[in-house]
C-alpha atoms as a PDB file:
ATOM      1  CA  MET A   1       9.092 110.621  24.010  1.00  0.00           C
ATOM      2  CA  SER A   2      11.277 112.261  26.633  1.00  0.00           C
ATOM      3  CA  VAL A   3      10.552 110.379  30.430  1.00  0.00           C
ATOM      4  CA  LEU A   4       8.668 112.250  33.049  1.00  0.00           C
ATOM      5  CA  SER A   5      10.015 109.906  35.589  1.00  0.00           C
ATOM      6  CA  SER A   6      12.965 108.345  36.191  1.00  0.00           C
ATOM      7  CA  ASP A   7      11.400 106.133  38.895  1.00  0.00           C
ATOM      8  CA  THR A   8       8.538 104.918  36.453  1.00  0.00           C
ATOM      9  CA  HIS A   9       8.896 102.011  33.736  1.00  0.00           C
ATOM     10  CA  PRO A  10       8.557 103.981  30.076  1.00  0.00           C
ATOM     11  CA  LYS A  11       5.415 101.512  29.177  1.00  0.00           C
ATOM     12  CA  MET A  12       3.875 102.383  32.377  1.00  0.00           C
ATOM     13  CA  GLU A  13       4.494 106.333  31.878  1.00  0.00           C
ATOM     14  CA  ALA A  14       3.058 105.755  28.211  1.00  0.00           C
ATOM     15  CA  LEU A  15       0.041 104.212  29.702  1.00  0.00           C
ATOM     16  CA  GLN A  16      -0.770 106.583  32.435  1.00  0.00           C
ATOM     17  CA  ILE A  17      -0.235 109.593  30.037  1.00  0.00           C
ATOM     18  CA  GLN A  18      -2.675 107.882  27.720  1.00  0.00           C
ATOM     19  CA  LEU A  19      -5.118 107.734  30.411  1.00  0.00           C
ATOM     20  CA  TRP A  20      -4.831 111.350  31.157  1.00  0.00           C
ATOM     21  CA  ARG A  21      -5.270 112.373  27.567  1.00  0.00           C
ATOM     22  CA  GLN A  22      -8.272 110.317  27.540  1.00  0.00           C
ATOM     23  CA  ALA A  23      -9.766 111.752  30.654  1.00  0.00           C
ATOM     24  CA  SER A  24     -12.630 114.102  30.538  1.00  0.00           C
ATOM     25  CA  PRO A  25     -11.929 117.411  31.294  1.00  0.00           C
ATOM     26  CA  THR A  26     -14.156 116.761  34.443  1.00  0.00           C
ATOM     27  CA  ARG A  27     -12.196 114.341  35.740  1.00  0.00           C
ATOM     28  CA  LYS A  28      -8.758 115.989  35.238  1.00  0.00           C
ATOM     29  CA  MET A  29     -10.503 119.041  36.941  1.00  0.00           C
ATOM     30  CA  HIS A  30     -11.282 116.647  39.531  1.00  0.00           C
ATOM     31  CA  MET A  31      -7.286 115.411  39.329  1.00  0.00           C
ATOM     32  CA  LEU A  32      -6.202 119.182  39.506  1.00  0.00           C
ATOM     33  CA  ALA A  33      -8.306 119.746  42.575  1.00  0.00           C
ATOM     34  CA  GLN A  34      -7.060 116.795  44.709  1.00  0.00           C
ATOM     35  CA  LEU A  35      -3.400 117.317  43.779  1.00  0.00           C
ATOM     36  CA  ASN A  36      -4.060 120.966  44.926  1.00  0.00           C
ATOM     37  CA  ALA A  37      -5.545 119.488  48.083  1.00  0.00           C
ATOM     38  CA  SER A  38      -2.323 117.600  48.390  1.00  0.00           C
ATOM     39  CA  ALA A  39      -0.187 120.325  48.174  1.00  0.00           C
ATOM     40  CA  ARG A  40      -1.862 122.364  50.463  1.00  0.00           C
ATOM     41  CA  SER A  41      -2.212 119.714  53.132  1.00  0.00           C
ATOM     42  CA  LEU A  42       1.904 119.090  52.882  1.00  0.00           C
ATOM     43  CA  ALA A  43       2.302 122.957  53.274  1.00  0.00           C
ATOM     44  CA  LEU A  44       0.085 123.103  56.446  1.00  0.00           C
ATOM     45  CA  MET A  45       1.930 120.221  57.932  1.00  0.00           C
ATOM     46  CA  GLY A  46       5.536 121.719  57.146  1.00  0.00           C
ATOM     47  CA  LEU A  47       4.417 124.967  58.798  1.00  0.00           C
ATOM     48  CA  ARG A  48       3.026 122.927  61.914  1.00  0.00           C
ATOM     49  CA  SER A  49       6.237 121.653  62.080  1.00  0.00           C
ATOM     50  CA  ARG A  50       8.271 124.482  61.696  1.00  0.00           C
ATOM     51  CA  TYR A  51       5.508 126.852  64.214  1.00  0.00           C
ATOM     52  CA  PRO A  52       4.355 123.875  66.448  1.00  0.00           C
ATOM     53  CA  ASN A  53       2.722 126.416  68.865  1.00  0.00           C
ATOM     54  CA  ALA A  54       1.210 128.640  66.003  1.00  0.00           C
ATOM     55  CA  THR A  55      -2.802 128.850  66.320  1.00  0.00           C
ATOM     56  CA  GLU A  56      -4.618 127.853  63.500  1.00  0.00           C
ATOM     57  CA  ALA A  57      -5.357 131.532  62.199  1.00  0.00           C
ATOM     58  CA  GLU A  58      -1.621 131.797  62.420  1.00  0.00           C
ATOM     59  CA  LEU A  59      -1.219 128.841  60.240  1.00  0.00           C
ATOM     60  CA  ARG A  60      -3.393 129.746  57.709  1.00  0.00           C
ATOM     61  CA  ARG A  61      -1.855 133.171  57.461  1.00  0.00           C
ATOM     62  CA  ARG A  62       1.503 131.765  57.092  1.00  0.00           C
ATOM     63  CA  LEU A  63      -0.161 129.146  54.152  1.00  0.00           C
ATOM     64  CA  ALA A  64      -1.294 132.794  52.319  1.00  0.00           C
ATOM     65  CA  GLY A  65       1.850 133.826  52.649  1.00  0.00           C
ATOM     66  CA  LEU A  66       3.358 130.699  51.037  1.00  0.00           C
ATOM     67  CA  LEU A  67       0.653 131.028  48.207  1.00  0.00           C
ATOM     68  CA  LEU A  68      -0.367 134.326  47.366  1.00  0.00           C
ATOM     69  CA  GLY A  69       3.379 135.792  48.333  1.00  0.00           C
ATOM     70  CA  ASP A  70       4.182 137.930  51.163  1.00  0.00           C
ATOM     71  CA  GLU A  71       3.280 140.921  50.104  1.00  0.00           C
ATOM     72  CA  LEU A  72      -0.294 140.059  48.861  1.00  0.00           C
ATOM     73  CA  ALA A  73      -1.222 138.036  52.028  1.00  0.00           C
ATOM     74  CA  ARG A  74      -0.041 141.071  54.333  1.00  0.00           C
ATOM     75  CA  LYS A  75      -2.268 143.397  52.333  1.00  0.00           C
ATOM     76  CA  VAL A  76      -5.394 140.836  52.267  1.00  0.00           C
ATOM     77  CA  TYR A  77      -4.919 139.205  55.737  1.00  0.00           C
ATOM     78  CA  GLY A  78      -2.855 141.485  58.039  1.00  0.00           C
ATOM     79  CA  GLU A  79       0.472 141.207  59.538  1.00  0.00           C
ATOM     80  CA  ILE A  80       1.376 137.810  60.861  1.00  0.00           C
ATOM     81  CA  ASN A  81       0.500 137.309  64.761  1.00  0.00           C
ATOM     82  CA  ASP A  82       3.692 134.919  66.135  1.00  0.00           C
ATOM     83  CA  ALA A  83       2.585 132.924  68.326  1.00  0.00           C
ATOM     84  CA  LYS A  84       4.456 132.591  71.799  1.00  0.00           C
END
């Protein structure tokens, strides 16, 4: 088996993979939802850092641009209103 994480001991990685395989579909979906929430949170933190004066609405629009791509986000949410 190939190594997924170079900083994880192979025995621990094998145990982690075994536990993932044994998890119920509901548990797997819950883990996926948590990962998605964490990714969104990290993306918003990065956007807040880059645009410290942006409103929450502008940050949500910029997040949509990251998640959907600029073209689709523009069609769905309109142009970005830059914070001054």
